[in-house]
Amino acid sequence: MIALTINGKPVTLDAPMTIAEFLAERNLKARMVVVEHNGEIVPRDRYAEVTLREGDTLEVVQMMAGG
């Protein structure tokens, strides 16, 4: 089990996973979110490269369409 903080709340994952896997598991489209990992914005093309680990902090902001 991996404990981390996502959007200010404690979350436990069963195993390490990439940001891309995390988003897909939650049905979030990568092109519709901005992700901050441990205080740094992650470029979308790196979501599949960054692995979430014990103690990490993730902020996920979903963009909304409308007008």
N, C-alpha and C. Protein backbone atom coordinates (compact mmCIF):
# COMPACT_ATOMS: atom_id res chain seq x y z
N MET A 1 0.83 -1.17 0.00
CA MET A 1 0.00 0.00 0.00
C MET A 1 0.89 1.25 0.00
N ILE A 2 0.43 2.24 -0.74
CA ILE A 2 1.19 3.48 -0.87
C ILE A 2 0.30 4.63 -0.39
N ALA A 3 0.78 5.37 0.59
CA ALA A 3 0.02 6.50 1.12
C ALA A 3 0.56 7.79 0.51
N LEU A 4 -0.34 8.60 -0.01
CA LEU A 4 0.03 9.89 -0.56
C LEU A 4 -1.11 10.87 -0.35
N THR A 5 -0.89 12.11 -0.70
CA THR A 5 -1.91 13.14 -0.54
C THR A 5 -2.32 13.62 -1.92
N ILE A 6 -3.63 13.57 -2.18
CA ILE A 6 -4.15 14.02 -3.47
C ILE A 6 -5.20 15.08 -3.21
N ASN A 7 -4.95 16.27 -3.76
CA ASN A 7 -5.83 17.42 -3.56
C ASN A 7 -6.13 17.64 -2.07
N GLY A 8 -5.08 17.51 -1.26
CA GLY A 8 -5.19 17.80 0.16
C GLY A 8 -5.77 16.68 1.02
N LYS A 9 -6.11 15.55 0.41
CA LYS A 9 -6.71 14.45 1.16
C LYS A 9 -5.81 13.22 1.13
N PRO A 10 -5.73 12.50 2.25
CA PRO A 10 -4.93 11.27 2.26
C PRO A 10 -5.58 10.20 1.38
N VAL A 11 -4.77 9.55 0.56
CA VAL A 11 -5.24 8.51 -0.35
C VAL A 11 -4.27 7.34 -0.27
N THR A 12 -4.79 6.14 -0.38
CA THR A 12 -3.95 4.95 -0.40
C THR A 12 -4.11 4.24 -1.74
N LEU A 13 -2.99 3.94 -2.37
CA LEU A 13 -2.99 3.18 -3.62
C LEU A 13 -2.50 1.77 -3.33
N ASP A 14 -2.98 0.79 -4.08
CA ASP A 14 -2.56 -0.59 -3.89
C ASP A 14 -1.11 -0.83 -4.28
N ALA A 15 -0.64 -0.08 -5.28
CA ALA A 15 0.71 -0.27 -5.80
C ALA A 15 1.17 1.02 -6.46
N PRO A 16 2.48 1.16 -6.67
CA PRO A 16 2.95 2.34 -7.40
C PRO A 16 2.31 2.39 -8.79
N MET A 17 2.03 3.59 -9.26
CA MET A 17 1.50 3.76 -10.61
C MET A 17 1.94 5.11 -11.14
N THR A 18 1.88 5.25 -12.45
CA THR A 18 2.24 6.52 -13.06
C THR A 18 1.06 7.48 -12.95
N ILE A 19 1.34 8.74 -13.20
CA ILE A 19 0.26 9.73 -13.22
C ILE A 19 -0.76 9.35 -14.29
N ALA A 20 -0.29 8.90 -15.45
CA ALA A 20 -1.20 8.50 -16.54
C ALA A 20 -2.11 7.37 -16.09
N GLU A 21 -1.58 6.38 -15.39
CA GLU A 21 -2.39 5.27 -14.90
C GLU A 21 -3.39 5.75 -13.85
N PHE A 22 -2.94 6.64 -12.98
CA PHE A 22 -3.82 7.20 -11.95
C PHE A 22 -5.00 7.92 -12.59
N LEU A 23 -4.73 8.75 -13.58
CA LEU A 23 -5.80 9.50 -14.25
C LEU A 23 -6.76 8.56 -14.97
N ALA A 24 -6.22 7.57 -15.67
CA ALA A 24 -7.05 6.62 -16.41
C ALA A 24 -7.95 5.83 -15.46
N GLU A 25 -7.40 5.44 -14.31
CA GLU A 25 -8.17 4.68 -13.32
C GLU A 25 -9.37 5.49 -12.81
N ARG A 26 -9.24 6.80 -12.84
CA ARG A 26 -10.31 7.68 -12.36
C ARG A 26 -11.10 8.32 -13.50
N ASN A 27 -10.91 7.79 -14.71
CA ASN A 27 -11.62 8.28 -15.90
C ASN A 27 -11.42 9.77 -16.14
N LEU A 28 -10.22 10.26 -15.87
CA LEU A 28 -9.88 11.66 -16.15
C LEU A 28 -9.05 11.71 -17.42
N LYS A 29 -9.40 12.60 -18.32
CA LYS A 29 -8.66 12.74 -19.57
C LYS A 29 -7.46 13.65 -19.34
N ALA A 30 -6.29 13.16 -19.72
CA ALA A 30 -5.04 13.89 -19.49
C ALA A 30 -5.09 15.29 -20.10
N ARG A 31 -5.75 15.45 -21.21
CA ARG A 31 -5.78 16.77 -21.86
C ARG A 31 -6.71 17.75 -21.15
N MET A 32 -7.47 17.25 -20.18
CA MET A 32 -8.42 18.10 -19.47
C MET A 32 -8.01 18.40 -18.03
N VAL A 33 -6.78 18.01 -17.66
CA VAL A 33 -6.32 18.26 -16.30
C VAL A 33 -4.93 18.89 -16.30
N VAL A 34 -4.62 19.54 -15.21
CA VAL A 34 -3.27 20.01 -14.93
C VAL A 34 -2.86 19.29 -13.65
N VAL A 35 -1.64 18.73 -13.65
CA VAL A 35 -1.18 17.96 -12.51
C VAL A 35 0.08 18.59 -11.93
N GLU A 36 0.05 18.76 -10.61
CA GLU A 36 1.22 19.23 -9.87
C GLU A 36 1.67 18.07 -8.99
N HIS A 37 2.92 17.67 -9.15
CA HIS A 37 3.49 16.54 -8.40
C HIS A 37 4.59 17.07 -7.50
N ASN A 38 4.41 16.94 -6.19
CA ASN A 38 5.39 17.42 -5.22
C ASN A 38 5.80 18.87 -5.48
N GLY A 39 4.79 19.71 -5.79
CA GLY A 39 5.02 21.14 -5.94
C GLY A 39 5.45 21.61 -7.31
N GLU A 40 5.56 20.70 -8.26
CA GLU A 40 5.98 21.09 -9.62
C GLU A 40 4.96 20.63 -10.65
N ILE A 41 4.61 21.53 -11.57
CA ILE A 41 3.69 21.18 -12.66
C ILE A 41 4.37 20.14 -13.55
N VAL A 42 3.61 19.09 -13.88
CA VAL A 42 4.14 18.02 -14.73
C VAL A 42 3.61 18.24 -16.15
N PRO A 43 4.51 18.34 -17.14
CA PRO A 43 4.04 18.45 -18.53
C PRO A 43 3.24 17.19 -18.91
N ARG A 44 2.18 17.36 -19.67
CA ARG A 44 1.33 16.23 -20.05
C ARG A 44 2.11 15.09 -20.71
N ASP A 45 3.12 15.43 -21.48
CA ASP A 45 3.87 14.37 -22.17
C ASP A 45 4.73 13.55 -21.21
N ARG A 46 4.76 13.92 -19.94
CA ARG A 46 5.53 13.16 -18.94
C ARG A 46 4.65 12.37 -17.98
N TYR A 47 3.33 12.44 -18.14
CA TYR A 47 2.42 11.73 -17.23
C TYR A 47 2.72 10.24 -17.17
N ALA A 48 3.11 9.63 -18.27
CA ALA A 48 3.40 8.20 -18.30
C ALA A 48 4.79 7.87 -17.73
N GLU A 49 5.59 8.89 -17.47
CA GLU A 49 6.96 8.67 -16.96
C GLU A 49 7.07 8.86 -15.46
N VAL A 50 6.17 9.64 -14.86
CA VAL A 50 6.27 9.98 -13.44
C VAL A 50 5.48 8.97 -12.61
N THR A 51 6.19 8.26 -11.74
CA THR A 51 5.56 7.26 -10.89
C THR A 51 5.26 7.84 -9.51
N LEU A 52 4.05 7.59 -9.05
CA LEU A 52 3.63 8.05 -7.73
C LEU A 52 4.20 7.11 -6.68
N ARG A 53 4.76 7.70 -5.62
CA ARG A 53 5.41 6.91 -4.58
C ARG A 53 4.94 7.35 -3.20
N GLU A 54 5.26 6.55 -2.22
CA GLU A 54 4.92 6.82 -0.82
C GLU A 54 5.28 8.25 -0.44
N GLY A 55 4.32 8.96 0.16
CA GLY A 55 4.56 10.30 0.66
C GLY A 55 4.42 11.42 -0.36
N ASP A 56 4.18 11.09 -1.63
CA ASP A 56 4.03 12.12 -2.66
C ASP A 56 2.79 12.98 -2.41
N THR A 57 2.83 14.17 -2.96
CA THR A 57 1.69 15.08 -2.94
C THR A 57 1.30 15.38 -4.38
N LEU A 58 0.03 15.21 -4.68
CA LEU A 58 -0.46 15.42 -6.04
C LEU A 58 -1.64 16.38 -5.97
N GLU A 59 -1.63 17.35 -6.85
CA GLU A 59 -2.77 18.26 -7.03
C GLU A 59 -3.26 18.06 -8.47
N VAL A 60 -4.52 17.73 -8.62
CA VAL A 60 -5.09 17.52 -9.94
C VAL A 60 -6.23 18.53 -10.11
N VAL A 61 -6.10 19.38 -11.12
CA VAL A 61 -7.11 20.41 -11.39
C VAL A 61 -7.73 20.09 -12.75
N GLN A 62 -9.03 19.88 -12.74
CA GLN A 62 -9.73 19.57 -13.99
C GLN A 62 -10.28 20.84 -14.60
N MET A 63 -10.01 21.02 -15.89
CA MET A 63 -10.51 22.19 -16.61
C MET A 63 -11.98 21.96 -16.97
N MET A 64 -12.72 23.02 -16.94
CA MET A 64 -14.14 22.94 -17.26
C MET A 64 -14.41 23.73 -18.53
N ALA A 65 -15.20 23.17 -19.41
CA ALA A 65 -15.58 23.86 -20.64
C ALA A 65 -16.90 24.58 -20.40
N GLY A 66 -17.09 25.61 -21.12
CA GLY A 66 -18.36 26.33 -20.99
C GLY A 66 -18.20 27.78 -21.35
N GLY A 67 -19.23 28.49 -21.20
CA GLY A 67 -19.12 29.89 -21.56
C GLY A 67 -20.22 30.66 -21.12
